[in-house]
Amino acid sequence: MGVVTILVDAIARESVILACIGFLIGGIDDLALDAVYWLGRLYGRRDLNVADLPPGVTGRIAVFVPAWDEAAVIGPMLTTTLARFGDEDARLYVGAYANDPATIDAVAGVAAGEPRVRLVLNPCEGPTTKADCLNQLWAALLREERLQGWQALAVAFHDAEDVVHRDELRVYRGLLGEHQVVQLPVSPLIDHASPLVSGHYADEFAEAHGERLVVRGWLGAPMPLAGVGCAIDRDLLGKVAAARGGDPFDAASLTEDYELGLRTAMLGGRQVFARVRDSDGRLIAVAEYFPNRVKEAVRQKARWMIGIALDGWDRIGWGRTGDWRDHWMRMRDRRAPLALLLLAIAYLSMLACGASWMVHVLAGDSGPVFGETTHQLLLVNLALMVWRMAMRAWFTGRAYGLWQALLSVPRVVVGNYIALMAARTAIGRYVVALRGQRPAWDKTRHRFPETVEP
């Protein structure tokens, strides 16, 4: 019993100390970001109002919508988008595959009576990657520009399940004169049949697009794109394509949107994260359903982790030399695997402490006593955790109301579980990719709201 007791106590103590130190570093990092955010708020930084935007630039906006196995959503999405865009000068390019006839039929059904929709077929059988599909849409835009003698003002990006805001193009036009890259917030729709899984996306995006990208913009650090609700100046996207030998996207990338944002910044593109309110005071954002099942959420989070924290690190490095803002933000982007390792160690420490307590009960003596420093670390980390949960609840409540703010607390556990499972999947897939396996479009099942105002 003596050897077992010593071993269990040692595991408990060391895992607690390691987790505490790791969480302390991460907590201070988050606290620094919070400080910048609240200082900005203190000095009067607020969301814009659409009525205060300048008239903006004119010209056609090309909207790229890649679609693989999207027959269930692409028709309603296109119809709603066209209705909400109204008489704006926009043209939608929808990418599909010859071996996906259901999606082709759904797009063709809308395009038949709508001159603003273009169906673009990928010459390869699907699925390839989303980046490859976007390259085909870029080529289709170039062909049409040459044949018809016009050039787009900008290229905007959407997914097949997006619900656009009617003022979206108004925001692009108002900001593209001063900026070359405009990113709108993303507002996940909460599936009330799955409030924990679908809701944890709402919490994460409310915080990420309510604080993190806002601070990133204030600091002038390069901004990653969300892949939807963003517009890029046509000439700037052409520069990205020229720098890459013709295609703006790397067909081997799993997170082409994230990379595109950083690449446009590296080329000197002027970026802005646009939090703008409409005439009713509502945030102009892209709404969509995210996965409502654990398995699908794990797959999606694994793809994001590979593209941003693992493969993305290899592909785009650390950016501008000596730019502490850029390095700080990229470090935050890529800390997920380390944070999840620390989270796993923390859960291990809880199990080890419980096992230690049981061993000492059976031995008839007192449990392990942590040193004063460890106790102080535990108290500081507890305070940081409570602060972080309060911040998340505040951002969620700001976007979704009090009830969802309260639910954000238990959803932290759900999000941690999904992230841990995603990390395991991501590492396995990353190792396989290092052996040369070509990536494919690992998409999730999509939904479109049953009722949407035109």
Protein backbone atom coordinates (compact mmCIF):
# COMPACT_ATOMS: atom_id res chain seq x y z
CA MET A 1 0.00 0.00 0.00
CA GLY A 2 2.91 2.34 0.75
CA VAL A 3 4.32 2.25 -2.80
CA VAL A 4 0.86 2.69 -4.33
CA THR A 5 0.11 5.62 -2.03
CA ILE A 6 3.39 7.36 -2.89
CA LEU A 7 2.84 6.82 -6.64
CA VAL A 8 -0.77 8.03 -6.64
CA ASP A 9 0.12 11.07 -4.50
CA ALA A 10 2.97 11.96 -6.83
CA ILE A 11 0.73 11.76 -9.91
CA ALA A 12 -1.90 13.90 -8.19
CA ARG A 13 0.57 16.58 -7.07
CA GLU A 14 2.54 16.84 -10.32
CA SER A 15 -0.51 16.85 -12.59
CA VAL A 16 -2.17 19.55 -10.46
CA ILE A 17 0.94 21.74 -10.56
CA LEU A 18 1.44 21.28 -14.32
CA ALA A 19 -2.21 22.03 -15.08
CA CYS A 20 -2.18 25.06 -12.78
CA ILE A 21 0.90 26.58 -14.42
CA GLY A 22 -0.47 25.97 -17.91
CA PHE A 23 -3.89 27.42 -17.11
CA LEU A 24 -2.28 30.40 -15.41
CA ILE A 25 -0.35 31.27 -18.57
CA GLY A 26 -3.44 30.84 -20.73
CA GLY A 27 -5.54 32.81 -18.27
CA ILE A 28 -3.12 35.74 -18.26
CA ASP A 29 -3.13 35.66 -22.07
CA ASP A 30 -6.93 35.87 -22.10
CA LEU A 31 -6.90 38.56 -19.44
CA ALA A 32 -4.57 40.71 -21.55
CA LEU A 33 -7.01 40.44 -24.46
CA ASP A 34 -9.89 41.35 -22.15
CA ALA A 35 -7.98 44.40 -20.92
CA VAL A 36 -7.52 45.69 -24.47
CA TYR A 37 -11.20 45.11 -25.22
CA TRP A 38 -12.53 46.91 -22.16
CA LEU A 39 -10.09 49.78 -22.59
CA GLY A 40 -11.40 50.17 -26.11
CA ARG A 41 -14.97 50.18 -24.83
CA LEU A 42 -14.00 52.71 -22.15
CA TYR A 43 -12.62 55.03 -24.79
CA GLY A 44 -15.84 54.91 -26.80
CA ARG A 45 -15.32 52.20 -29.40
CA ARG A 46 -18.75 50.87 -30.37
CA ASP A 47 -20.55 49.07 -33.17
CA LEU A 48 -21.28 51.17 -36.24
CA ASN A 49 -24.76 51.96 -37.56
CA VAL A 50 -25.57 51.20 -41.18
CA ALA A 51 -27.10 54.66 -41.60
CA ASP A 52 -23.73 56.22 -40.71
CA LEU A 53 -21.82 54.41 -43.46
CA PRO A 54 -20.74 56.43 -46.50
CA PRO A 55 -22.64 55.85 -49.76
CA GLY A 56 -19.82 53.56 -50.79
CA VAL A 57 -18.41 52.25 -54.02
CA THR A 58 -20.37 50.95 -56.96
CA GLY A 59 -19.77 47.91 -59.12
CA ARG A 60 -20.76 44.28 -59.33
CA ILE A 61 -20.08 42.00 -56.38
CA ALA A 62 -19.44 38.37 -57.30
CA VAL A 63 -20.65 35.96 -54.61
CA PHE A 64 -18.95 32.54 -54.53
CA VAL A 65 -20.97 29.63 -53.12
CA PRO A 66 -19.19 26.24 -53.23
CA ALA A 67 -21.61 23.32 -52.99
CA TRP A 68 -21.08 19.60 -52.60
CA ASP A 69 -24.05 17.41 -51.59
CA GLU A 70 -26.12 20.47 -50.73
CA ALA A 71 -29.42 19.64 -52.49
CA ALA A 72 -31.34 20.01 -49.23
CA VAL A 73 -30.30 23.62 -48.62
CA ILE A 74 -28.91 25.30 -51.73
CA GLY A 75 -32.28 26.10 -53.34
CA PRO A 76 -33.78 27.92 -50.32
CA MET A 77 -30.45 29.61 -49.63
CA LEU A 78 -30.18 31.04 -53.15
CA THR A 79 -33.82 32.13 -53.21
CA THR A 80 -33.53 33.88 -49.84
CA THR A 81 -30.22 35.49 -50.76
CA LEU A 82 -31.55 36.89 -54.04
CA ALA A 83 -34.65 38.24 -52.31
CA ARG A 84 -32.65 39.92 -49.57
CA PHE A 85 -30.09 41.38 -51.95
CA GLY A 86 -32.93 42.95 -53.92
CA ASP A 87 -31.80 45.05 -56.87
CA GLU A 88 -28.16 45.17 -55.77
CA ASP A 89 -25.63 44.60 -58.56
CA ALA A 90 -24.54 41.12 -57.53
CA ARG A 91 -23.98 37.81 -59.31
CA LEU A 92 -23.92 34.43 -57.57
CA TYR A 93 -21.49 31.77 -58.79
CA VAL A 94 -22.40 28.34 -57.43
CA GLY A 95 -19.87 25.53 -57.74
CA ALA A 96 -21.13 21.96 -58.12
CA TYR A 97 -19.93 18.57 -59.36
CA ALA A 98 -21.11 16.38 -62.21
CA ASN A 99 -21.46 13.39 -59.88
CA ASP A 100 -23.82 15.37 -57.63
CA PRO A 101 -26.94 15.65 -59.84
CA ALA A 102 -29.29 16.50 -56.96
CA THR A 103 -27.36 19.68 -56.14
CA ILE A 104 -27.12 20.55 -59.84
CA ASP A 105 -30.88 20.21 -60.25
CA ALA A 106 -31.53 22.38 -57.18
CA VAL A 107 -29.23 25.15 -58.46
CA ALA A 108 -30.53 24.89 -62.01
CA GLY A 109 -34.09 25.22 -60.74
CA VAL A 110 -33.24 28.65 -59.33
CA ALA A 111 -30.93 29.72 -62.15
CA ALA A 112 -33.53 28.95 -64.85
CA GLY A 113 -35.49 32.08 -64.04
CA GLU A 114 -32.74 34.16 -62.50
CA PRO A 115 -30.00 35.80 -64.62
CA ARG A 116 -27.94 36.62 -61.50
CA VAL A 117 -27.11 32.94 -60.81
CA ARG A 118 -24.32 31.02 -62.54
CA LEU A 119 -23.93 27.25 -62.18
CA VAL A 120 -20.26 26.27 -62.45
CA LEU A 121 -19.38 22.58 -62.82
CA ASN A 122 -16.07 21.33 -61.47
CA PRO A 123 -14.24 19.24 -64.10
CA CYS A 124 -13.24 16.75 -61.39
CA GLU A 125 -15.61 14.39 -59.65
CA GLY A 126 -16.48 15.47 -56.15
CA PRO A 127 -15.72 15.88 -53.49
CA THR A 128 -12.37 17.56 -53.99
CA THR A 129 -11.83 20.35 -51.44
CA LYS A 130 -13.73 23.56 -50.84
CA ALA A 131 -10.60 25.45 -51.89
CA ASP A 132 -10.52 23.61 -55.22
CA CYS A 133 -14.19 24.41 -55.80
CA LEU A 134 -13.53 28.08 -55.08
CA ASN A 135 -10.69 28.07 -57.61
CA GLN A 136 -13.15 26.86 -60.25
CA LEU A 137 -15.49 29.72 -59.37
CA TRP A 138 -12.61 32.17 -59.67
CA ALA A 139 -11.81 30.81 -63.13
CA ALA A 140 -15.48 31.13 -64.14
CA LEU A 141 -15.51 34.76 -63.00
CA LEU A 142 -12.39 35.54 -65.03
CA ARG A 143 -13.91 33.94 -68.14
CA GLU A 144 -17.11 35.93 -67.80
CA GLU A 145 -15.24 39.17 -67.21
CA ARG A 146 -13.21 38.65 -70.38
CA LEU A 147 -16.20 37.67 -72.51
CA GLN A 148 -18.52 40.44 -71.32
CA GLY A 149 -15.97 43.22 -70.80
CA TRP A 150 -16.56 44.09 -67.17
CA GLN A 151 -14.69 43.57 -63.90
CA ALA A 152 -16.13 42.82 -60.50
CA LEU A 153 -15.73 45.27 -57.68
CA ALA A 154 -15.23 42.53 -55.09
CA VAL A 155 -15.69 38.84 -54.43
CA ALA A 156 -17.84 37.78 -51.47
CA PHE A 157 -18.02 34.30 -49.97
CA HIS A 158 -20.89 32.24 -48.62
CA ASP A 159 -21.69 28.65 -47.78
CA ALA A 160 -24.73 26.79 -49.06
CA GLU A 161 -26.53 26.97 -45.71
CA ASP A 162 -26.03 30.69 -44.98
CA VAL A 163 -28.84 33.08 -44.15
CA VAL A 164 -27.66 36.49 -45.36
CA HIS A 165 -28.68 39.85 -43.94
CA ARG A 166 -30.46 42.23 -46.32
CA ASP A 167 -27.92 44.99 -45.58
CA GLU A 168 -24.84 42.84 -46.17
CA LEU A 169 -23.90 44.31 -49.55
CA ARG A 170 -24.62 47.79 -48.23
CA VAL A 171 -21.94 47.25 -45.58
CA TYR A 172 -19.46 45.95 -48.15
CA ARG A 173 -19.98 48.92 -50.41
CA GLY A 174 -19.72 51.38 -47.55
CA LEU A 175 -16.42 49.98 -46.31
CA LEU A 176 -14.65 48.77 -49.45
CA GLY A 177 -13.66 52.29 -50.41
CA GLU A 178 -11.37 52.61 -47.40
CA HIS A 179 -10.69 48.89 -46.91
CA GLN A 180 -9.96 45.96 -49.21
CA VAL A 181 -11.15 43.12 -46.97
CA VAL A 182 -14.41 43.24 -45.01
CA GLN A 183 -15.48 40.49 -42.60
CA LEU A 184 -18.94 40.42 -41.01
CA PRO A 185 -19.70 38.53 -37.79
CA VAL A 186 -21.12 35.01 -37.91
CA SER A 187 -24.15 34.34 -35.72
CA PRO A 188 -24.84 30.60 -35.22
CA LEU A 189 -28.49 29.63 -35.01
CA ILE A 190 -29.33 27.58 -31.92
CA ASP A 191 -31.18 24.34 -32.53
CA HIS A 192 -33.58 24.15 -29.58
CA ALA A 193 -33.70 20.37 -29.95
CA SER A 194 -29.95 20.35 -29.25
CA PRO A 195 -29.26 23.38 -27.03
CA LEU A 196 -25.97 22.09 -25.65
CA VAL A 197 -24.16 20.96 -28.79
CA SER A 198 -25.49 23.56 -31.23
CA GLY A 199 -25.50 26.18 -28.49
CA HIS A 200 -21.82 25.89 -27.69
CA TYR A 201 -21.09 27.25 -31.17
CA ALA A 202 -23.21 30.29 -30.31
CA ASP A 203 -21.11 30.85 -27.17
CA GLU A 204 -17.80 30.51 -28.99
CA PHE A 205 -18.73 32.77 -31.90
CA ALA A 206 -20.35 35.35 -29.63
CA GLU A 207 -17.03 35.66 -27.79
CA ALA A 208 -14.78 35.31 -30.84
CA HIS A 209 -16.70 37.79 -33.00
CA GLY A 210 -17.68 40.00 -30.10
CA GLU A 211 -14.19 40.38 -28.65
CA ARG A 212 -11.27 38.52 -30.21
CA LEU A 213 -11.62 39.68 -33.81
CA VAL A 214 -12.62 43.13 -32.59
CA VAL A 215 -9.39 43.45 -30.60
CA ARG A 216 -7.44 42.02 -33.51
CA GLY A 217 -8.76 44.80 -35.69
CA TRP A 218 -8.03 47.50 -33.11
CA LEU A 219 -4.43 46.30 -32.82
CA GLY A 220 -3.98 46.15 -36.59
CA ALA A 221 -3.05 42.47 -36.55
CA PRO A 222 -3.78 40.37 -39.67
CA MET A 223 -7.35 39.08 -39.60
CA PRO A 224 -8.28 35.50 -40.54
CA LEU A 225 -11.50 35.18 -42.50
CA ALA A 226 -14.49 33.08 -41.51
CA GLY A 227 -15.13 31.86 -45.07
CA VAL A 228 -18.62 33.38 -45.07
CA GLY A 229 -19.86 36.93 -44.78
CA CYS A 230 -16.63 38.37 -46.13
CA ALA A 231 -15.76 40.37 -49.23
CA ILE A 232 -12.37 40.98 -50.84
CA ASP A 233 -11.44 43.64 -53.37
CA ARG A 234 -11.26 42.00 -56.79
CA ASP A 235 -7.79 43.36 -57.58
CA LEU A 236 -6.41 42.22 -54.23
CA LEU A 237 -7.76 38.71 -54.78
CA GLY A 238 -6.13 38.83 -58.20
CA LYS A 239 -2.80 39.64 -56.52
CA VAL A 240 -3.23 36.63 -54.25
CA ALA A 241 -3.90 34.48 -57.31
CA ALA A 242 -0.88 35.88 -59.16
CA ALA A 243 1.38 35.25 -56.17
CA ARG A 244 0.19 31.64 -56.17
CA GLY A 245 0.61 31.10 -59.91
CA GLY A 246 -3.01 31.59 -60.97
CA ASP A 247 -5.31 30.15 -58.32
CA PRO A 248 -6.08 32.21 -55.21
CA PHE A 249 -6.64 29.11 -53.07
CA ASP A 250 -4.45 26.13 -52.29
CA ALA A 251 -6.52 23.06 -53.20
CA ALA A 252 -4.75 21.10 -50.45
CA SER A 253 -5.87 23.48 -47.71
CA LEU A 254 -8.60 22.51 -45.25
CA THR A 255 -9.04 26.06 -43.94
CA GLU A 256 -8.64 28.19 -47.03
CA ASP A 257 -10.62 31.02 -45.44
CA TYR A 258 -8.24 31.38 -42.51
CA GLU A 259 -5.22 31.37 -44.80
CA LEU A 260 -6.76 33.82 -47.25
CA GLY A 261 -7.21 36.41 -44.53
CA LEU A 262 -3.59 36.19 -43.46
CA ARG A 263 -2.29 36.15 -47.04
CA THR A 264 -4.22 39.28 -48.00
CA ALA A 265 -2.75 41.03 -44.97
CA MET A 266 0.76 39.93 -45.95
CA LEU A 267 0.16 41.55 -49.36
CA GLY A 268 -0.74 44.82 -47.69
CA GLY A 269 -4.52 44.47 -47.86
CA ARG A 270 -6.42 46.85 -45.61
CA GLN A 271 -8.74 44.75 -43.47
CA VAL A 272 -11.70 45.51 -41.23
CA PHE A 273 -13.91 43.42 -38.98
CA ALA A 274 -17.28 45.11 -39.40
CA ARG A 275 -19.70 45.06 -36.49
CA VAL A 276 -22.55 47.14 -37.90
CA ARG A 277 -26.12 47.51 -36.64
CA ASP A 278 -29.12 47.79 -38.97
CA SER A 279 -31.94 50.31 -38.62
CA ASP A 280 -33.62 48.06 -36.03
CA GLY A 281 -30.47 47.83 -33.93
CA ARG A 282 -29.75 44.23 -34.89
CA LEU A 283 -26.25 43.08 -35.77
CA ILE A 284 -25.65 42.67 -39.50
CA ALA A 285 -24.26 39.14 -39.54
CA VAL A 286 -24.43 35.81 -41.33
CA ALA A 287 -26.69 33.29 -39.62
CA GLU A 288 -26.44 29.54 -40.07
CA TYR A 289 -26.96 26.25 -38.28
CA PHE A 290 -23.85 24.49 -37.06
CA PRO A 291 -23.73 20.76 -36.21
CA ASN A 292 -26.20 19.65 -33.56
CA ARG A 293 -24.65 16.23 -32.91
CA VAL A 294 -21.43 15.47 -31.08
CA LYS A 295 -19.98 13.28 -33.84
CA GLU A 296 -20.45 15.95 -36.52
CA ALA A 297 -19.17 18.70 -34.24
CA VAL A 298 -16.03 16.65 -33.54
CA ARG A 299 -15.39 16.22 -37.28
CA GLN A 300 -15.78 19.93 -37.94
CA LYS A 301 -13.63 21.02 -35.01
CA ALA A 302 -10.95 18.50 -36.04
CA ARG A 303 -10.82 20.02 -39.53
CA TRP A 304 -10.46 23.51 -38.06
CA MET A 305 -7.71 22.35 -35.72
CA ILE A 306 -5.75 20.70 -38.51
CA GLY A 307 -6.04 23.67 -40.82
CA ILE A 308 -5.25 26.38 -38.27
CA ALA A 309 -3.09 24.92 -35.51
CA LEU A 310 -1.28 22.04 -37.23
CA ASP A 311 -1.14 22.14 -41.03
CA GLY A 312 -1.65 25.90 -41.09
CA TRP A 313 1.43 26.41 -38.93
CA ASP A 314 3.47 24.51 -41.51
CA ARG A 315 1.92 26.35 -44.45
CA ILE A 316 1.99 30.02 -43.45
CA GLY A 317 4.46 30.24 -40.57
CA TRP A 318 4.58 33.23 -38.24
CA GLY A 319 4.12 36.14 -40.62
CA ARG A 320 5.76 39.52 -40.34
CA THR A 321 9.12 39.56 -38.56
CA GLY A 322 9.13 41.61 -35.37
CA ASP A 323 5.38 42.30 -35.40
CA TRP A 324 4.38 41.36 -31.85
CA ARG A 325 0.67 41.85 -32.60
CA ASP A 326 0.77 39.38 -35.47
CA HIS A 327 2.81 36.86 -33.49
CA TRP A 328 0.55 37.18 -30.44
CA MET A 329 -2.58 36.54 -32.44
CA ARG A 330 -1.13 33.64 -34.40
CA MET A 331 0.09 32.13 -31.16
CA ARG A 332 -3.46 32.38 -29.81
CA ASP A 333 -4.78 30.75 -32.99
CA ARG A 334 -2.41 27.82 -32.58
CA ARG A 335 -2.54 27.24 -28.86
CA ALA A 336 -5.57 24.92 -29.07
CA PRO A 337 -3.61 21.61 -29.09
CA LEU A 338 -1.54 22.71 -26.08
CA ALA A 339 -4.61 24.01 -24.27
CA LEU A 340 -6.39 20.71 -24.84
CA LEU A 341 -3.36 18.79 -23.59
CA LEU A 342 -3.49 20.86 -20.41
CA LEU A 343 -7.22 20.25 -20.17
CA ALA A 344 -6.62 16.51 -20.40
CA ILE A 345 -3.97 16.80 -17.68
CA ALA A 346 -6.44 18.75 -15.53
CA TYR A 347 -9.04 16.00 -15.84
CA LEU A 348 -6.31 13.47 -15.05
CA SER A 349 -5.41 15.48 -11.94
CA MET A 350 -9.03 15.34 -10.77
CA LEU A 351 -9.07 11.57 -11.18
CA ALA A 352 -5.67 11.26 -9.52
CA CYS A 353 -6.77 13.38 -6.54
CA GLY A 354 -9.88 11.27 -6.16
CA ALA A 355 -7.82 8.09 -6.35
CA SER A 356 -5.37 9.52 -3.82
CA TRP A 357 -8.18 10.32 -1.42
CA MET A 358 -9.57 6.79 -1.77
CA VAL A 359 -6.16 5.21 -1.18
CA HIS A 360 -5.66 7.24 1.98
CA VAL A 361 -9.17 6.42 3.24
CA LEU A 362 -8.45 2.73 2.78
CA ALA A 363 -5.10 3.19 4.53
CA GLY A 364 -6.78 5.01 7.41
CA ASP A 365 -4.76 8.22 7.23
CA SER A 366 -5.14 11.76 5.84
CA GLY A 367 -4.88 12.60 2.15
CA PRO A 368 -2.04 14.47 0.39
CA VAL A 369 -1.44 18.05 1.43
CA PHE A 370 -0.53 20.50 -1.31
CA GLY A 371 1.99 23.22 -0.62
CA GLU A 372 1.02 26.85 -0.08
CA THR A 373 2.16 27.81 -3.59
CA THR A 374 -0.05 25.15 -5.14
CA HIS A 375 -3.02 26.36 -3.11
CA GLN A 376 -2.39 29.91 -4.30
CA LEU A 377 -2.18 28.73 -7.89
CA LEU A 378 -5.47 26.87 -7.51
CA LEU A 379 -7.18 29.96 -6.12
CA VAL A 380 -5.82 32.22 -8.87
CA ASN A 381 -6.87 29.74 -11.56
CA LEU A 382 -10.31 29.43 -10.01
CA ALA A 383 -10.69 33.21 -10.17
CA LEU A 384 -9.50 33.26 -13.78
CA MET A 385 -11.93 30.47 -14.69
CA VAL A 386 -14.86 32.28 -13.09
CA TRP A 387 -13.88 35.48 -14.92
CA ARG A 388 -13.62 33.65 -18.23
CA MET A 389 -17.02 32.02 -17.81
CA ALA A 390 -18.51 35.37 -16.82
CA MET A 391 -17.05 36.97 -19.94
CA ARG A 392 -18.42 34.23 -22.16
CA ALA A 393 -21.82 34.51 -20.52
CA TRP A 394 -21.77 38.28 -21.03
CA PHE A 395 -21.01 37.98 -24.76
CA THR A 396 -23.56 35.20 -25.21
CA GLY A 397 -26.20 37.19 -23.33
CA ARG A 398 -25.43 40.25 -25.41
CA ALA A 399 -26.11 38.28 -28.58
CA TYR A 400 -28.79 35.78 -27.52
CA GLY A 401 -30.34 36.89 -24.23
CA LEU A 402 -30.23 35.94 -20.56
CA TRP A 403 -31.35 32.30 -20.87
CA GLN A 404 -28.62 31.43 -23.35
CA ALA A 405 -26.10 33.28 -21.18
CA LEU A 406 -27.00 30.98 -18.29
CA LEU A 407 -26.76 27.91 -20.55
CA SER A 408 -23.29 28.97 -21.65
CA VAL A 409 -21.92 27.81 -18.28
CA PRO A 410 -22.79 24.08 -18.59
CA ARG A 411 -21.99 24.26 -22.31
CA VAL A 412 -18.35 24.85 -21.37
CA VAL A 413 -18.16 21.18 -20.36
CA VAL A 414 -19.78 20.09 -23.63
CA GLY A 415 -17.38 22.25 -25.62
CA ASN A 416 -14.37 20.85 -23.75
CA TYR A 417 -15.46 17.27 -24.45
CA ILE A 418 -15.97 18.00 -28.16
CA ALA A 419 -12.61 19.75 -28.32
CA LEU A 420 -10.79 16.84 -26.67
CA MET A 421 -12.33 14.34 -29.08
CA ALA A 422 -11.56 16.67 -32.00
CA ALA A 423 -7.92 16.95 -30.92
CA ARG A 424 -7.56 13.16 -30.98
CA THR A 425 -9.12 13.02 -34.45
CA ALA A 426 -7.08 15.96 -35.73
CA ILE A 427 -3.75 14.54 -34.66
CA GLY A 428 -4.54 11.21 -36.30
CA ARG A 429 -5.60 12.83 -39.56
CA TYR A 430 -2.61 15.17 -39.49
CA VAL A 431 -0.20 12.24 -39.18
CA VAL A 432 -1.90 10.58 -42.14
CA ALA A 433 -1.67 13.82 -44.15
CA LEU A 434 2.08 14.01 -43.44
CA ARG A 435 2.36 10.70 -45.27
CA GLY A 436 1.04 12.34 -48.43
CA GLN A 437 -2.67 11.49 -48.39
CA ARG A 438 -4.62 14.03 -50.42
CA PRO A 439 -7.28 15.88 -48.39
CA ALA A 440 -10.95 15.73 -49.36
CA TRP A 441 -13.97 17.87 -48.55
CA ASP A 442 -14.88 16.61 -45.09
CA LYS A 443 -18.11 18.56 -44.88
CA THR A 444 -20.84 18.37 -42.27
CA ARG A 445 -24.57 17.91 -42.82
CA HIS A 446 -26.24 21.26 -43.34
CA ARG A 447 -29.68 22.67 -42.55
CA PHE A 448 -31.55 25.79 -43.62
CA PRO A 449 -34.26 27.38 -41.45
CA GLU A 450 -37.74 26.19 -42.34
CA THR A 451 -39.15 29.72 -42.23
CA VAL A 452 -37.16 32.79 -43.24
CA GLU A 453 -38.43 36.26 -43.96
CA PRO A 454 -37.71 37.34 -47.56
